C-alpha atoms as a PDB file:
ATOM      1  CA  MET A   1      36.875 -22.556  -3.031  1.00  0.00           C
ATOM      2  CA  VAL A   2      34.914 -20.857  -5.796  1.00  0.00           C
ATOM      3  CA  ILE A   3      31.139 -21.185  -5.847  1.00  0.00           C
ATOM      4  CA  LEU A   4      29.909 -21.272  -9.415  1.00  0.00           C
ATOM      5  CA  VAL A   5      26.511 -19.726 -10.080  1.00  0.00           C
ATOM      6  CA  PRO A   6      24.675 -20.384 -13.336  1.00  0.00           C
ATOM      7  CA  TRP A   7      23.777 -16.774 -14.192  1.00  0.00           C
ATOM      8  CA  LYS A   8      21.562 -17.504 -17.197  1.00  0.00           C
ATOM      9  CA  PRO A   9      18.755 -19.163 -15.143  1.00  0.00           C
ATOM     10  CA  VAL A  10      19.072 -16.480 -12.444  1.00  0.00           C
ATOM     11  CA  ALA A  11      18.666 -13.716 -15.041  1.00  0.00           C
ATOM     12  CA  LEU A  12      15.756 -15.578 -16.617  1.00  0.00           C
ATOM     13  CA  VAL A  13      13.930 -15.923 -13.287  1.00  0.00           C
ATOM     14  CA  LEU A  14      14.494 -12.263 -12.394  1.00  0.00           C
ATOM     15  CA  GLY A  15      13.271 -11.194 -15.824  1.00  0.00           C
ATOM     16  CA  LEU A  16      10.132 -13.304 -15.515  1.00  0.00           C
ATOM     17  CA  LEU A  17       9.500 -11.952 -12.019  1.00  0.00           C
ATOM     18  CA  SER A  18       9.806  -8.332 -13.149  1.00  0.00           C
ATOM     19  CA  ALA A  19       7.542  -9.034 -16.139  1.00  0.00           C
ATOM     20  CA  LEU A  20       4.968 -10.592 -13.824  1.00  0.00           C
ATOM     21  CA  ILE A  21       5.055  -7.528 -11.561  1.00  0.00           C
ATOM     22  CA  LEU A  22       4.572  -5.163 -14.503  1.00  0.00           C
ATOM     23  CA  VAL A  23       1.724  -7.201 -15.973  1.00  0.00           C
ATOM     24  CA  SER A  24      -0.032  -7.367 -12.609  1.00  0.00           C
ATOM     25  CA  TYR A  25       0.344  -3.589 -12.149  1.00  0.00           C
ATOM     26  CA  PHE A  26      -1.144  -2.837 -15.555  1.00  0.00           C
ATOM     27  CA  GLY A  27      -3.896  -5.410 -15.064  1.00  0.00           C
ATOM     28  CA  SER A  28      -4.785  -3.970 -11.669  1.00  0.00           C
ATOM     29  CA  ALA A  29      -4.897  -0.432 -13.041  1.00  0.00           C
ATOM     30  CA  LEU A  30      -7.072  -1.470 -15.971  1.00  0.00           C
ATOM     31  CA  MET A  31      -9.453  -3.420 -13.730  1.00  0.00           C
ATOM     32  CA  ARG A  32      -9.894  -0.326 -11.559  1.00  0.00           C
ATOM     33  CA  GLY A  33     -10.629   1.744 -14.671  1.00  0.00           C
ATOM     34  CA  LYS A  34      -7.510   3.896 -14.350  1.00  0.00           C
ATOM     35  CA  ASP A  35      -4.966   4.750 -17.001  1.00  0.00           C
ATOM     36  CA  PRO A  36      -1.705   2.993 -16.022  1.00  0.00           C
ATOM     37  CA  PHE A  37       0.358   5.503 -18.033  1.00  0.00           C
ATOM     38  CA  ALA A  38      -1.224   8.646 -16.538  1.00  0.00           C
ATOM     39  CA  VAL A  39       0.903  10.940 -14.413  1.00  0.00           C
ATOM     40  CA  SER A  40      -0.478  11.476 -10.930  1.00  0.00           C
ATOM     41  CA  THR A  41      -2.185  14.841 -10.456  1.00  0.00           C
ATOM     42  CA  GLY A  42      -1.579  14.887  -6.708  1.00  0.00           C
ATOM     43  CA  ASP A  43      -5.287  15.116  -5.866  1.00  0.00           C
ATOM     44  CA  TRP A  44      -5.162  12.442  -3.181  1.00  0.00           C
ATOM     45  CA  GLN A  45      -6.813  12.532   0.198  1.00  0.00           C
ATOM     46  CA  PRO A  46      -4.926  11.295   3.265  1.00  0.00           C
ATOM     47  CA  VAL A  47      -6.424   8.248   4.926  1.00  0.00           C
ATOM     48  CA  ALA A  48      -7.716   8.788   8.450  1.00  0.00           C
ATOM     49  CA  HIS A  49      -5.894   6.471  10.820  1.00  0.00           C
ATOM     50  CA  HIS A  50      -7.961   4.871  13.537  1.00  0.00           C
ATOM     51  CA  ALA A  51      -6.396   4.239  16.908  1.00  0.00           C
ATOM     52  CA  THR A  52      -6.635   0.627  17.917  1.00  0.00           C
ATOM     53  CA  SER A  53      -5.076   0.681  21.357  1.00  0.00           C
ATOM     54  CA  HIS A  54      -7.295   0.396  24.390  1.00  0.00           C
ATOM     55  CA  ALA A  55      -5.743   3.398  26.130  1.00  0.00           C
ATOM     56  CA  THR A  56      -6.432   5.699  23.185  1.00  0.00           C
ATOM     57  CA  GLY A  57     -10.011   4.465  23.020  1.00  0.00           C
ATOM     58  CA  VAL A  58     -10.481   5.267  26.703  1.00  0.00           C
ATOM     59  CA  ARG A  59      -9.117   8.761  26.217  1.00  0.00           C
ATOM     60  CA  ASN A  60     -11.364   9.337  23.201  1.00  0.00           C
ATOM     61  CA  SER A  61     -14.466   8.093  25.027  1.00  0.00           C
ATOM     62  CA  THR A  62     -13.784  10.288  28.065  1.00  0.00           C
ATOM     63  CA  LEU A  63     -13.157  13.265  25.782  1.00  0.00           C
ATOM     64  CA  HIS A  64     -16.428  12.543  23.976  1.00  0.00           C
ATOM     65  CA  LYS A  65     -18.276  12.377  27.322  1.00  0.00           C
ATOM     66  CA  ALA A  66     -16.748  15.673  28.421  1.00  0.00           C
ATOM     67  CA  VAL A  67     -17.728  17.407  25.185  1.00  0.00           C
ATOM     68  CA  SER A  68     -21.277  16.026  25.289  1.00  0.00           C
ATOM     69  CA  ALA A  69     -21.593  17.069  28.954  1.00  0.00           C
ATOM     70  CA  LYS A  70     -20.827  20.688  28.034  1.00  0.00           C
ATOM     71  CA  ARG A  71     -23.747  20.763  25.561  1.00  0.00           C
END
């Protein structure tokens, strides 16, 4: 059995979706005051990741106590 797919509506929906993504990207860049066509200079700073587990917090607090005890 052959399943027939109407390709014209599928292509239309995908085209509208990609247009929506592009418009939202340019709108977001313009709202932030950045040039959406600019090439990245690579001057980014890595984001510091915070540990959220309880065990890591315990280790950090005991390390902090040990360092402050030495002072």
